Amino acid sequence: MEIGLLGATGPAGHALATRLAGVGHDVVIGSRSKYRAMEVRDTILDKWPDRSLSIRSADNAGAADAGVVVIATPWDAAAATARSVADHLHRKVVICMSNAIAQVAGEFQPLVPPRGSVSASVQAEVPDAYVAAALHHVAATELGNLDTELASDVLVCSDHQRATETVSEIIAEIPGARPLDAGGLSNAMAIEAFTAVLLQLNSRYRTRVAIRLTGIDD
């Protein structure tokens, strides 16, 4: 499967591009600058020379031509980025992994973006796409390390069954990751906001926490 990542030059996008290529997907790293995307691609390939990673670079429009598209931009650019490539996203599965969070006086705090969540704002910009909220709680360090398993549950929210199933299939390919259907896109508000709690725990205990939910059979 070819997966395009928009705004993939930040830590989260960089890490996800690495992991998706590591499990055999054809990855397109997108950015507003195709040259910056090229630098990130080269950095990944140089770090993992013994892996046969299928990664190419493009601008965001080029990455949006892929069959499945991930929005990995900072939260305040996610909706605008989706709007800028809307013509490329008709009837496609679009994964939004952005969190609206600010750090105030040393504390991580969730913000309330328009429509309640970043993912809902993206869906509003591309109404005929199948938007799913996912991958908000996965630490970039572990996600981008192909020598380790994630050991994390990944909550998936969408109003479209096709999106939930497609995203869950992709996540299930990542060693140690377990996708869980967490309901409609309205639940993305709580999931995105909870990331602030996890970041605060990481800061306070100098660690990187992961979510594991009990009571659900594999």
N, C-alpha and C. Protein backbone atom coordinates (compact mmCIF):
# COMPACT_ATOMS: atom_id res chain seq x y z
N MET A 1 0.84 -1.19 0.00
CA MET A 1 0.00 0.00 0.00
C MET A 1 0.88 1.25 0.00
N GLU A 2 0.52 2.23 -0.81
CA GLU A 2 1.25 3.50 -0.79
C GLU A 2 0.55 4.45 0.17
N ILE A 3 1.33 5.00 1.11
CA ILE A 3 0.80 5.89 2.13
C ILE A 3 1.57 7.20 2.06
N GLY A 4 0.85 8.31 1.91
CA GLY A 4 1.47 9.62 1.88
C GLY A 4 1.30 10.33 3.19
N LEU A 5 2.36 10.97 3.66
CA LEU A 5 2.33 11.71 4.91
C LEU A 5 2.53 13.19 4.62
N LEU A 6 1.56 14.00 5.02
CA LEU A 6 1.63 15.44 4.81
C LEU A 6 2.25 16.09 6.04
N GLY A 7 3.19 17.00 5.82
CA GLY A 7 3.87 17.62 6.95
C GLY A 7 4.68 16.63 7.74
N ALA A 8 5.36 15.73 7.03
CA ALA A 8 6.01 14.60 7.68
C ALA A 8 7.44 14.88 8.12
N THR A 9 7.84 16.15 8.13
CA THR A 9 9.23 16.46 8.49
C THR A 9 9.42 16.69 9.98
N GLY A 10 8.35 16.71 10.77
CA GLY A 10 8.46 16.81 12.21
C GLY A 10 8.72 15.45 12.84
N PRO A 11 8.92 15.40 14.16
CA PRO A 11 9.24 14.12 14.82
C PRO A 11 8.20 13.03 14.61
N ALA A 12 6.91 13.36 14.73
CA ALA A 12 5.88 12.34 14.59
C ALA A 12 5.81 11.80 13.17
N GLY A 13 5.81 12.69 12.19
CA GLY A 13 5.75 12.25 10.81
C GLY A 13 6.97 11.48 10.40
N HIS A 14 8.14 11.95 10.82
CA HIS A 14 9.40 11.26 10.55
C HIS A 14 9.35 9.83 11.09
N ALA A 15 8.89 9.70 12.35
CA ALA A 15 8.84 8.39 12.99
C ALA A 15 7.83 7.47 12.31
N LEU A 16 6.66 8.00 11.98
CA LEU A 16 5.64 7.17 11.35
C LEU A 16 6.08 6.73 9.95
N ALA A 17 6.72 7.61 9.21
CA ALA A 17 7.23 7.24 7.89
C ALA A 17 8.21 6.08 8.00
N THR A 18 9.08 6.15 8.99
CA THR A 18 10.05 5.08 9.22
C THR A 18 9.36 3.77 9.51
N ARG A 19 8.40 3.80 10.42
CA ARG A 19 7.74 2.56 10.84
C ARG A 19 6.89 1.97 9.72
N LEU A 20 6.17 2.79 8.99
CA LEU A 20 5.34 2.27 7.90
C LEU A 20 6.19 1.64 6.81
N ALA A 21 7.31 2.28 6.48
CA ALA A 21 8.22 1.69 5.50
C ALA A 21 8.83 0.41 6.06
N GLY A 22 9.07 0.39 7.37
CA GLY A 22 9.66 -0.78 8.00
C GLY A 22 8.79 -2.02 7.95
N VAL A 23 7.46 -1.84 7.85
CA VAL A 23 6.56 -3.00 7.75
C VAL A 23 6.14 -3.23 6.31
N GLY A 24 6.80 -2.58 5.36
CA GLY A 24 6.61 -2.94 3.96
C GLY A 24 5.76 -2.03 3.11
N HIS A 25 5.31 -0.89 3.65
CA HIS A 25 4.52 0.02 2.84
C HIS A 25 5.41 0.93 2.00
N ASP A 26 4.87 1.36 0.88
CA ASP A 26 5.53 2.38 0.07
C ASP A 26 5.13 3.74 0.64
N VAL A 27 6.10 4.50 1.12
CA VAL A 27 5.83 5.73 1.85
C VAL A 27 6.26 6.94 1.02
N VAL A 28 5.41 7.96 1.02
CA VAL A 28 5.74 9.24 0.39
C VAL A 28 5.79 10.30 1.48
N ILE A 29 6.96 10.86 1.71
CA ILE A 29 7.12 11.92 2.69
C ILE A 29 6.80 13.25 2.03
N GLY A 30 5.81 13.95 2.56
CA GLY A 30 5.41 15.23 2.00
C GLY A 30 5.72 16.38 2.93
N SER A 31 5.91 17.54 2.33
CA SER A 31 6.16 18.76 3.08
C SER A 31 5.81 19.94 2.20
N ARG A 32 5.67 21.12 2.80
CA ARG A 32 5.49 22.31 1.97
C ARG A 32 6.70 22.51 1.07
N SER A 33 7.87 22.08 1.55
CA SER A 33 9.10 22.14 0.76
C SER A 33 9.53 20.74 0.37
N LYS A 34 9.55 20.45 -0.91
CA LYS A 34 9.96 19.11 -1.35
C LYS A 34 11.42 18.85 -1.00
N TYR A 35 12.21 19.92 -0.85
CA TYR A 35 13.62 19.75 -0.51
C TYR A 35 13.78 19.34 0.95
N ARG A 36 12.94 19.88 1.82
CA ARG A 36 12.94 19.44 3.21
C ARG A 36 12.49 18.00 3.31
N ALA A 37 11.49 17.62 2.53
CA ALA A 37 11.05 16.23 2.52
C ALA A 37 12.17 15.30 2.04
N MET A 38 12.93 15.77 1.09
CA MET A 38 14.05 14.98 0.58
C MET A 38 15.11 14.77 1.68
N GLU A 39 15.36 15.80 2.47
CA GLU A 39 16.33 15.69 3.56
C GLU A 39 15.88 14.65 4.59
N VAL A 40 14.60 14.67 4.92
CA VAL A 40 14.09 13.71 5.90
C VAL A 40 14.16 12.29 5.35
N ARG A 41 13.80 12.12 4.08
CA ARG A 41 13.91 10.79 3.46
C ARG A 41 15.34 10.29 3.54
N ASP A 42 16.29 11.14 3.20
CA ASP A 42 17.70 10.72 3.21
C ASP A 42 18.16 10.39 4.63
N THR A 43 17.67 11.15 5.61
CA THR A 43 18.04 10.88 7.00
C THR A 43 17.56 9.50 7.43
N ILE A 44 16.34 9.16 7.06
CA ILE A 44 15.80 7.83 7.42
C ILE A 44 16.59 6.72 6.74
N LEU A 45 16.82 6.88 5.47
CA LEU A 45 17.54 5.83 4.73
C LEU A 45 18.97 5.67 5.23
N ASP A 46 19.60 6.77 5.61
CA ASP A 46 20.96 6.70 6.15
C ASP A 46 21.00 6.02 7.52
N LYS A 47 19.92 6.20 8.30
CA LYS A 47 19.88 5.60 9.63
C LYS A 47 19.64 4.10 9.57
N TRP A 48 18.92 3.65 8.55
CA TRP A 48 18.57 2.23 8.44
C TRP A 48 19.08 1.67 7.10
N PRO A 49 20.39 1.64 6.90
CA PRO A 49 20.92 1.22 5.59
C PRO A 49 20.71 -0.26 5.29
N ASP A 50 20.51 -1.05 6.33
CA ASP A 50 20.35 -2.49 6.12
C ASP A 50 18.89 -2.90 5.89
N ARG A 51 18.00 -1.93 5.93
CA ARG A 51 16.58 -2.21 5.70
C ARG A 51 16.21 -1.79 4.29
N SER A 52 15.36 -2.55 3.69
CA SER A 52 14.89 -2.21 2.33
C SER A 52 13.64 -1.34 2.46
N LEU A 53 13.86 -0.07 2.74
CA LEU A 53 12.75 0.85 2.98
C LEU A 53 12.37 1.54 1.68
N SER A 54 11.09 1.48 1.36
CA SER A 54 10.57 2.13 0.15
C SER A 54 10.02 3.50 0.55
N ILE A 55 10.85 4.53 0.40
CA ILE A 55 10.47 5.89 0.78
C ILE A 55 10.88 6.85 -0.33
N ARG A 56 9.95 7.69 -0.72
CA ARG A 56 10.31 8.77 -1.64
C ARG A 56 9.77 10.08 -1.09
N SER A 57 10.23 11.17 -1.65
CA SER A 57 9.85 12.49 -1.15
C SER A 57 9.05 13.24 -2.19
N ALA A 58 8.26 14.21 -1.71
CA ALA A 58 7.42 15.03 -2.59
C ALA A 58 6.97 16.25 -1.80
N ASP A 59 6.28 17.17 -2.46
CA ASP A 59 5.59 18.21 -1.72
C ASP A 59 4.28 17.62 -1.20
N ASN A 60 3.52 18.40 -0.44
CA ASN A 60 2.30 17.84 0.16
C ASN A 60 1.30 17.36 -0.89
N ALA A 61 1.21 18.06 -2.00
CA ALA A 61 0.28 17.64 -3.05
C ALA A 61 0.69 16.29 -3.62
N GLY A 62 1.99 16.10 -3.81
CA GLY A 62 2.46 14.82 -4.32
C GLY A 62 2.20 13.69 -3.35
N ALA A 63 2.39 13.94 -2.05
CA ALA A 63 2.12 12.91 -1.05
C ALA A 63 0.63 12.61 -0.97
N ALA A 64 -0.21 13.61 -1.22
CA ALA A 64 -1.66 13.42 -1.15
C ALA A 64 -2.20 12.58 -2.30
N ASP A 65 -1.38 12.28 -3.28
CA ASP A 65 -1.81 11.40 -4.37
C ASP A 65 -1.82 9.94 -3.96
N ALA A 66 -1.22 9.62 -2.81
CA ALA A 66 -1.17 8.22 -2.35
C ALA A 66 -2.57 7.71 -2.03
N GLY A 67 -2.69 6.39 -1.93
CA GLY A 67 -4.00 5.78 -1.69
C GLY A 67 -4.56 6.07 -0.32
N VAL A 68 -3.69 6.12 0.69
CA VAL A 68 -4.05 6.50 2.06
C VAL A 68 -3.16 7.67 2.45
N VAL A 69 -3.74 8.66 3.13
CA VAL A 69 -3.01 9.89 3.45
C VAL A 69 -3.04 10.13 4.95
N VAL A 70 -1.89 10.52 5.50
CA VAL A 70 -1.77 10.85 6.92
C VAL A 70 -1.45 12.33 7.05
N ILE A 71 -2.17 13.02 7.94
CA ILE A 71 -1.85 14.40 8.26
C ILE A 71 -1.04 14.42 9.55
N ALA A 72 0.24 14.78 9.41
CA ALA A 72 1.18 14.74 10.53
C ALA A 72 1.72 16.12 10.86
N THR A 73 1.01 17.15 10.46
CA THR A 73 1.43 18.53 10.70
C THR A 73 1.20 18.93 12.16
N PRO A 74 1.76 20.06 12.59
CA PRO A 74 1.31 20.63 13.86
C PRO A 74 -0.20 20.87 13.81
N TRP A 75 -0.83 20.86 14.98
CA TRP A 75 -2.29 20.86 15.01
C TRP A 75 -2.89 22.09 14.33
N ASP A 76 -2.24 23.25 14.47
CA ASP A 76 -2.84 24.46 13.92
C ASP A 76 -2.67 24.60 12.41
N ALA A 77 -1.99 23.65 11.80
CA ALA A 77 -1.84 23.65 10.34
C ALA A 77 -2.60 22.50 9.69
N ALA A 78 -3.19 21.62 10.49
CA ALA A 78 -3.78 20.40 9.94
C ALA A 78 -4.95 20.68 9.01
N ALA A 79 -5.91 21.49 9.45
CA ALA A 79 -7.08 21.76 8.63
C ALA A 79 -6.70 22.51 7.36
N ALA A 80 -5.83 23.49 7.49
CA ALA A 80 -5.40 24.26 6.32
C ALA A 80 -4.64 23.38 5.32
N THR A 81 -3.85 22.45 5.84
CA THR A 81 -3.12 21.53 4.95
C THR A 81 -4.09 20.64 4.21
N ALA A 82 -5.08 20.12 4.92
CA ALA A 82 -6.10 19.29 4.27
C ALA A 82 -6.83 20.08 3.19
N ARG A 83 -7.17 21.32 3.49
CA ARG A 83 -7.87 22.16 2.52
C ARG A 83 -7.00 22.42 1.28
N SER A 84 -5.70 22.56 1.48
CA SER A 84 -4.81 22.89 0.36
C SER A 84 -4.68 21.75 -0.64
N VAL A 85 -4.96 20.52 -0.20
CA VAL A 85 -4.85 19.36 -1.10
C VAL A 85 -6.18 18.64 -1.23
N ALA A 86 -7.27 19.34 -0.95
CA ALA A 86 -8.59 18.70 -0.92
C ALA A 86 -8.92 17.98 -2.22
N ASP A 87 -8.49 18.53 -3.34
CA ASP A 87 -8.79 17.89 -4.63
C ASP A 87 -8.13 16.53 -4.78
N HIS A 88 -7.12 16.24 -3.95
CA HIS A 88 -6.42 14.95 -4.01
C HIS A 88 -7.01 13.92 -3.05
N LEU A 89 -7.96 14.33 -2.22
CA LEU A 89 -8.41 13.47 -1.12
C LEU A 89 -9.82 12.93 -1.29
N HIS A 90 -10.42 13.11 -2.42
CA HIS A 90 -11.79 12.64 -2.63
C HIS A 90 -11.90 11.14 -2.37
N ARG A 91 -12.78 10.78 -1.44
CA ARG A 91 -13.11 9.38 -1.14
C ARG A 91 -11.88 8.55 -0.73
N LYS A 92 -10.93 9.20 -0.11
CA LYS A 92 -9.75 8.51 0.41
C LYS A 92 -9.82 8.43 1.93
N VAL A 93 -9.14 7.43 2.48
CA VAL A 93 -8.95 7.34 3.92
C VAL A 93 -7.86 8.33 4.32
N VAL A 94 -8.18 9.21 5.26
CA VAL A 94 -7.25 10.23 5.74
C VAL A 94 -7.09 10.06 7.24
N ILE A 95 -5.87 9.86 7.68
CA ILE A 95 -5.58 9.68 9.10
C ILE A 95 -5.06 10.99 9.66
N CYS A 96 -5.69 11.48 10.72
CA CYS A 96 -5.21 12.69 11.41
C CYS A 96 -4.61 12.28 12.76
N MET A 97 -3.34 12.63 12.99
CA MET A 97 -2.66 12.25 14.22
C MET A 97 -2.25 13.47 15.04
N SER A 98 -2.81 14.63 14.72
CA SER A 98 -2.40 15.88 15.38
C SER A 98 -3.16 16.09 16.69
N ASN A 99 -2.47 16.67 17.67
CA ASN A 99 -3.05 17.00 18.97
C ASN A 99 -2.95 18.49 19.23
N ALA A 100 -4.02 19.09 19.73
CA ALA A 100 -4.00 20.51 20.08
C ALA A 100 -3.60 20.65 21.54
N ILE A 101 -2.32 20.97 21.74
CA ILE A 101 -1.76 21.02 23.09
C ILE A 101 -0.84 22.23 23.21
N ALA A 102 -0.84 22.86 24.38
CA ALA A 102 0.07 23.96 24.67
C ALA A 102 0.76 23.69 26.00
N GLN A 103 1.93 24.24 26.16
CA GLN A 103 2.65 24.14 27.43
C GLN A 103 2.60 25.50 28.11
N VAL A 104 1.98 25.52 29.28
CA VAL A 104 1.77 26.76 30.03
C VAL A 104 2.36 26.60 31.42
N ALA A 105 3.34 27.43 31.74
CA ALA A 105 3.99 27.39 33.06
C ALA A 105 4.44 25.98 33.43
N GLY A 106 5.01 25.29 32.45
CA GLY A 106 5.55 23.96 32.70
C GLY A 106 4.54 22.84 32.67
N GLU A 107 3.26 23.16 32.45
CA GLU A 107 2.22 22.14 32.40
C GLU A 107 1.69 22.00 30.98
N PHE A 108 1.49 20.77 30.55
CA PHE A 108 0.87 20.53 29.25
C PHE A 108 -0.65 20.63 29.40
N GLN A 109 -1.26 21.41 28.53
CA GLN A 109 -2.70 21.63 28.61
C GLN A 109 -3.35 21.42 27.25
N PRO A 110 -4.49 20.73 27.22
CA PRO A 110 -5.20 20.55 25.95
C PRO A 110 -5.91 21.83 25.55
N LEU A 111 -5.96 22.09 24.27
CA LEU A 111 -6.70 23.20 23.71
C LEU A 111 -7.95 22.66 23.02
N VAL A 112 -8.93 23.50 22.82
CA VAL A 112 -10.15 23.10 22.13
C VAL A 112 -10.17 23.79 20.76
N PRO A 113 -9.82 23.08 19.72
CA PRO A 113 -9.81 23.69 18.39
C PRO A 113 -11.23 23.82 17.84
N PRO A 114 -11.40 24.51 16.73
CA PRO A 114 -12.72 24.57 16.11
C PRO A 114 -13.29 23.17 15.89
N ARG A 115 -14.58 23.02 16.11
CA ARG A 115 -15.30 21.75 15.97
C ARG A 115 -14.90 20.72 17.02
N GLY A 116 -14.15 21.12 18.02
CA GLY A 116 -13.89 20.26 19.16
C GLY A 116 -12.63 19.44 19.10
N SER A 117 -12.18 19.09 17.91
CA SER A 117 -10.95 18.31 17.76
C SER A 117 -10.29 18.66 16.44
N VAL A 118 -9.00 18.41 16.36
CA VAL A 118 -8.29 18.63 15.11
C VAL A 118 -8.86 17.73 14.02
N SER A 119 -9.15 16.50 14.38
CA SER A 119 -9.64 15.53 13.40
C SER A 119 -10.98 15.96 12.81
N ALA A 120 -11.87 16.47 13.66
CA ALA A 120 -13.17 16.94 13.16
C ALA A 120 -13.00 18.16 12.26
N SER A 121 -12.04 19.00 12.57
CA SER A 121 -11.78 20.16 11.72
C SER A 121 -11.27 19.72 10.35
N VAL A 122 -10.45 18.69 10.33
CA VAL A 122 -9.96 18.14 9.05
C VAL A 122 -11.13 17.55 8.26
N GLN A 123 -12.00 16.80 8.93
CA GLN A 123 -13.15 16.21 8.23
C GLN A 123 -14.02 17.29 7.61
N ALA A 124 -14.17 18.41 8.30
CA ALA A 124 -14.99 19.50 7.77
C ALA A 124 -14.39 20.10 6.50
N GLU A 125 -13.07 20.08 6.39
CA GLU A 125 -12.41 20.63 5.21
C GLU A 125 -12.48 19.69 4.01
N VAL A 126 -12.58 18.39 4.29
CA VAL A 126 -12.63 17.40 3.20
C VAL A 126 -13.82 16.47 3.45
N PRO A 127 -15.05 16.98 3.28
CA PRO A 127 -16.24 16.24 3.70
C PRO A 127 -16.47 14.92 2.98
N ASP A 128 -15.89 14.77 1.78
CA ASP A 128 -16.09 13.50 1.08
C ASP A 128 -14.92 12.55 1.25
N ALA A 129 -14.01 12.86 2.16
CA ALA A 129 -12.94 11.93 2.53
C ALA A 129 -13.38 11.14 3.77
N TYR A 130 -12.68 10.05 4.04
CA TYR A 130 -13.00 9.20 5.18
C TYR A 130 -11.93 9.43 6.25
N VAL A 131 -12.20 10.36 7.15
CA VAL A 131 -11.20 10.77 8.13
C VAL A 131 -11.26 9.88 9.37
N ALA A 132 -10.09 9.48 9.85
CA ALA A 132 -9.97 8.74 11.09
C ALA A 132 -8.96 9.44 11.99
N ALA A 133 -9.23 9.48 13.26
CA ALA A 133 -8.29 9.98 14.26
C ALA A 133 -7.55 8.79 14.85
N ALA A 134 -6.22 8.84 14.82
CA ALA A 134 -5.44 7.71 15.32
C ALA A 134 -4.00 8.12 15.56
N LEU A 135 -3.29 7.32 16.35
CA LEU A 135 -1.85 7.45 16.58
C LEU A 135 -1.47 8.67 17.41
N HIS A 136 -2.41 9.21 18.18
CA HIS A 136 -2.12 10.40 18.98
C HIS A 136 -1.21 10.10 20.16
N HIS A 137 -1.29 8.90 20.71
CA HIS A 137 -0.63 8.61 21.98
C HIS A 137 0.69 7.85 21.81
N VAL A 138 1.13 7.64 20.60
CA VAL A 138 2.34 6.85 20.38
C VAL A 138 3.56 7.76 20.38
N ALA A 139 4.52 7.48 21.24
CA ALA A 139 5.72 8.31 21.34
C ALA A 139 6.56 8.16 20.08
N ALA A 140 7.03 9.29 19.56
CA ALA A 140 7.79 9.28 18.31
C ALA A 140 9.07 8.47 18.43
N THR A 141 9.72 8.52 19.59
CA THR A 141 10.99 7.80 19.75
C THR A 141 10.81 6.31 19.52
N GLU A 142 9.79 5.73 20.15
CA GLU A 142 9.54 4.30 19.98
C GLU A 142 8.98 3.99 18.59
N LEU A 143 8.13 4.86 18.09
CA LEU A 143 7.52 4.62 16.78
C LEU A 143 8.58 4.56 15.69
N GLY A 144 9.60 5.39 15.79
CA GLY A 144 10.62 5.44 14.75
C GLY A 144 11.78 4.50 14.93
N ASN A 145 11.75 3.69 15.98
CA ASN A 145 12.84 2.75 16.24
C ASN A 145 12.45 1.35 15.76
N LEU A 146 13.00 0.96 14.63
CA LEU A 146 12.60 -0.32 14.02
C LEU A 146 13.15 -1.52 14.77
N ASP A 147 14.00 -1.30 15.75
CA ASP A 147 14.54 -2.41 16.53
C ASP A 147 13.69 -2.74 17.75
N THR A 148 12.62 -1.97 17.99
CA THR A 148 11.79 -2.21 19.16
C THR A 148 10.32 -2.35 18.76
N GLU A 149 9.55 -3.04 19.62
CA GLU A 149 8.11 -3.10 19.47
C GLU A 149 7.48 -1.92 20.22
N LEU A 150 6.26 -1.57 19.83
CA LEU A 150 5.61 -0.42 20.45
C LEU A 150 5.04 -0.72 21.83
N ALA A 151 4.49 -1.91 22.01
CA ALA A 151 3.82 -2.26 23.27
C ALA A 151 2.77 -1.21 23.64
N SER A 152 1.87 -0.93 22.70
CA SER A 152 0.89 0.13 22.92
C SER A 152 -0.42 -0.20 22.22
N ASP A 153 -1.52 0.15 22.87
CA ASP A 153 -2.81 0.16 22.18
C ASP A 153 -2.94 1.48 21.43
N VAL A 154 -3.62 1.43 20.30
CA VAL A 154 -3.82 2.63 19.48
C VAL A 154 -5.32 2.79 19.25
N LEU A 155 -5.87 3.88 19.76
CA LEU A 155 -7.30 4.13 19.63
C LEU A 155 -7.60 4.76 18.27
N VAL A 156 -8.65 4.25 17.62
CA VAL A 156 -9.04 4.71 16.29
C VAL A 156 -10.48 5.20 16.35
N CYS A 157 -10.72 6.43 15.90
CA CYS A 157 -12.07 6.99 15.87
C CYS A 157 -12.40 7.42 14.44
N SER A 158 -13.59 7.13 14.01
CA SER A 158 -14.03 7.59 12.69
C SER A 158 -15.54 7.43 12.58
N ASP A 159 -16.14 8.24 11.72
CA ASP A 159 -17.55 8.07 11.39
C ASP A 159 -17.75 7.16 10.19
N HIS A 160 -16.66 6.59 9.69
CA HIS A 160 -16.70 5.77 8.47
C HIS A 160 -16.06 4.41 8.77
N GLN A 161 -16.84 3.35 8.61
CA GLN A 161 -16.33 2.02 8.90
C GLN A 161 -15.14 1.67 8.02
N ARG A 162 -15.18 2.14 6.78
CA ARG A 162 -14.06 1.87 5.87
C ARG A 162 -12.76 2.43 6.44
N ALA A 163 -12.81 3.64 6.99
CA ALA A 163 -11.62 4.25 7.56
C ALA A 163 -11.15 3.49 8.79
N THR A 164 -12.08 3.15 9.67
CA THR A 164 -11.71 2.41 10.88
C THR A 164 -11.03 1.09 10.53
N GLU A 165 -11.58 0.38 9.57
CA GLU A 165 -11.01 -0.91 9.20
C GLU A 165 -9.65 -0.75 8.53
N THR A 166 -9.53 0.20 7.62
CA THR A 166 -8.26 0.39 6.92
C THR A 166 -7.15 0.79 7.88
N VAL A 167 -7.44 1.76 8.75
CA VAL A 167 -6.44 2.23 9.69
C VAL A 167 -6.08 1.13 10.68
N SER A 168 -7.05 0.38 11.13
CA SER A 168 -6.78 -0.72 12.06
C SER A 168 -5.88 -1.78 11.43
N GLU A 169 -6.10 -2.07 10.16
CA GLU A 169 -5.25 -3.04 9.47
C GLU A 169 -3.80 -2.55 9.39
N ILE A 170 -3.63 -1.27 9.12
CA ILE A 170 -2.28 -0.71 9.04
C ILE A 170 -1.59 -0.77 10.40
N ILE A 171 -2.31 -0.37 11.46
CA ILE A 171 -1.72 -0.37 12.80
C ILE A 171 -1.37 -1.77 13.25
N ALA A 172 -2.22 -2.73 12.93
CA ALA A 172 -1.99 -4.12 13.36
C ALA A 172 -0.71 -4.70 12.76
N GLU A 173 -0.22 -4.12 11.69
CA GLU A 173 1.03 -4.59 11.08
C GLU A 173 2.26 -4.13 11.86
N ILE A 174 2.11 -3.15 12.72
CA ILE A 174 3.23 -2.63 13.49
C ILE A 174 3.46 -3.53 14.71
N PRO A 175 4.63 -4.10 14.85
CA PRO A 175 4.88 -5.00 15.98
C PRO A 175 4.59 -4.34 17.32
N GLY A 176 3.78 -5.02 18.12
CA GLY A 176 3.46 -4.54 19.46
C GLY A 176 2.28 -3.59 19.54
N ALA A 177 1.75 -3.15 18.41
CA ALA A 177 0.63 -2.22 18.41
C ALA A 177 -0.69 -2.97 18.28
N ARG A 178 -1.69 -2.56 19.04
CA ARG A 178 -3.02 -3.17 18.96
C ARG A 178 -4.04 -2.08 18.67
N PRO A 179 -4.68 -2.10 17.50
CA PRO A 179 -5.71 -1.10 17.20
C PRO A 179 -7.01 -1.42 17.94
N LEU A 180 -7.67 -0.38 18.43
CA LEU A 180 -8.96 -0.53 19.09
C LEU A 180 -9.94 0.48 18.50
N ASP A 181 -11.11 -0.02 18.14
CA ASP A 181 -12.16 0.84 17.60
C ASP A 181 -12.79 1.61 18.76
N ALA A 182 -12.52 2.92 18.80
CA ALA A 182 -12.99 3.76 19.91
C ALA A 182 -14.21 4.60 19.55
N GLY A 183 -14.92 4.22 18.46
CA GLY A 183 -16.17 4.88 18.16
C GLY A 183 -16.06 5.97 17.12
N GLY A 184 -17.03 6.87 17.14
CA GLY A 184 -17.13 7.91 16.14
C GLY A 184 -16.12 9.03 16.33
N LEU A 185 -16.06 9.90 15.35
CA LEU A 185 -15.05 10.96 15.34
C LEU A 185 -15.26 11.95 16.49
N SER A 186 -16.46 12.01 17.05
CA SER A 186 -16.70 12.90 18.18
C SER A 186 -15.82 12.54 19.38
N ASN A 187 -15.43 11.27 19.49
CA ASN A 187 -14.58 10.85 20.60
C ASN A 187 -13.14 11.30 20.44
N ALA A 188 -12.79 11.79 19.27
CA ALA A 188 -11.42 12.28 19.07
C ALA A 188 -11.11 13.43 20.01
N MET A 189 -12.13 14.19 20.41
CA MET A 189 -11.91 15.31 21.34
C MET A 189 -11.24 14.82 22.62
N ALA A 190 -11.77 13.75 23.19
CA ALA A 190 -11.21 13.22 24.43
C ALA A 190 -9.85 12.58 24.21
N ILE A 191 -9.70 11.88 23.11
CA ILE A 191 -8.44 11.19 22.85
C ILE A 191 -7.31 12.19 22.61
N GLU A 192 -7.57 13.20 21.81
CA GLU A 192 -6.55 14.21 21.56
C GLU A 192 -6.18 14.93 22.85
N ALA A 193 -7.18 15.29 23.64
CA ALA A 193 -6.92 16.03 24.88
C ALA A 193 -6.13 15.19 25.88
N PHE A 194 -6.37 13.89 25.91
CA PHE A 194 -5.68 13.03 26.88
C PHE A 194 -4.19 12.97 26.63
N THR A 195 -3.77 13.29 25.42
CA THR A 195 -2.35 13.29 25.12
C THR A 195 -1.61 14.27 26.03
N ALA A 196 -2.26 15.36 26.42
CA ALA A 196 -1.63 16.31 27.34
C ALA A 196 -1.30 15.64 28.68
N VAL A 197 -2.17 14.74 29.13
CA VAL A 197 -1.93 14.02 30.38
C VAL A 197 -0.70 13.12 30.24
N LEU A 198 -0.61 12.43 29.12
CA LEU A 198 0.53 11.53 28.91
C LEU A 198 1.84 12.31 28.84
N LEU A 199 1.82 13.45 28.16
CA LEU A 199 3.02 14.27 28.09
C LEU A 199 3.43 14.79 29.47
N GLN A 200 2.44 15.13 30.29
CA GLN A 200 2.75 15.58 31.63
C GLN A 200 3.37 14.46 32.46
N LEU A 201 2.86 13.24 32.30
CA LEU A 201 3.45 12.10 33.01
C LEU A 201 4.88 11.86 32.54
N ASN A 202 5.10 11.96 31.24
CA ASN A 202 6.46 11.79 30.73
C ASN A 202 7.42 12.81 31.35
N SER A 203 6.95 14.04 31.44
CA SER A 203 7.79 15.10 31.99
C SER A 203 8.06 14.89 33.48
N ARG A 204 7.02 14.53 34.20
CA ARG A 204 7.15 14.41 35.66
C ARG A 204 7.98 13.21 36.07
N TYR A 205 7.81 12.10 35.34
CA TYR A 205 8.49 10.87 35.74
C TYR A 205 9.68 10.53 34.83
N ARG A 206 10.00 11.44 33.93
CA ARG A 206 11.16 11.27 33.04
C ARG A 206 11.12 9.91 32.33
N THR A 207 10.01 9.67 31.65
CA THR A 207 9.83 8.40 30.97
C THR A 207 9.02 8.65 29.71
N ARG A 208 8.60 7.59 29.05
CA ARG A 208 7.68 7.68 27.92
C ARG A 208 6.60 6.62 28.13
N VAL A 209 5.43 7.07 28.52
CA VAL A 209 4.36 6.15 28.85
C VAL A 209 3.65 5.68 27.57
N ALA A 210 3.00 4.54 27.69
CA ALA A 210 2.19 4.00 26.60
C ALA A 210 0.87 3.51 27.18
N ILE A 211 -0.15 3.47 26.36
CA ILE A 211 -1.48 3.04 26.80
C ILE A 211 -1.65 1.54 26.56
N ARG A 212 -2.06 0.82 27.60
CA ARG A 212 -2.50 -0.56 27.49
C ARG A 212 -3.80 -0.70 28.24
N LEU A 213 -4.88 -1.08 27.55
CA LEU A 213 -6.18 -1.22 28.17
C LEU A 213 -6.46 -2.70 28.47
N THR A 214 -6.91 -2.96 29.67
CA THR A 214 -7.19 -4.34 30.06
C THR A 214 -8.65 -4.67 29.82
N GLY A 215 -8.96 -5.96 29.81
CA GLY A 215 -10.35 -6.41 29.67
C GLY A 215 -10.81 -6.62 28.25
N ILE A 216 -9.95 -6.37 27.27
CA ILE A 216 -10.29 -6.58 25.86
C ILE A 216 -9.43 -7.70 25.33
N ASP A 217 -10.05 -8.78 24.88
CA ASP A 217 -9.30 -9.91 24.34
C ASP A 217 -8.63 -9.50 23.03
N ASP A 218 -7.42 -10.02 22.82
CA ASP A 218 -6.73 -9.76 21.56
C ASP A 218 -7.47 -10.43 20.41
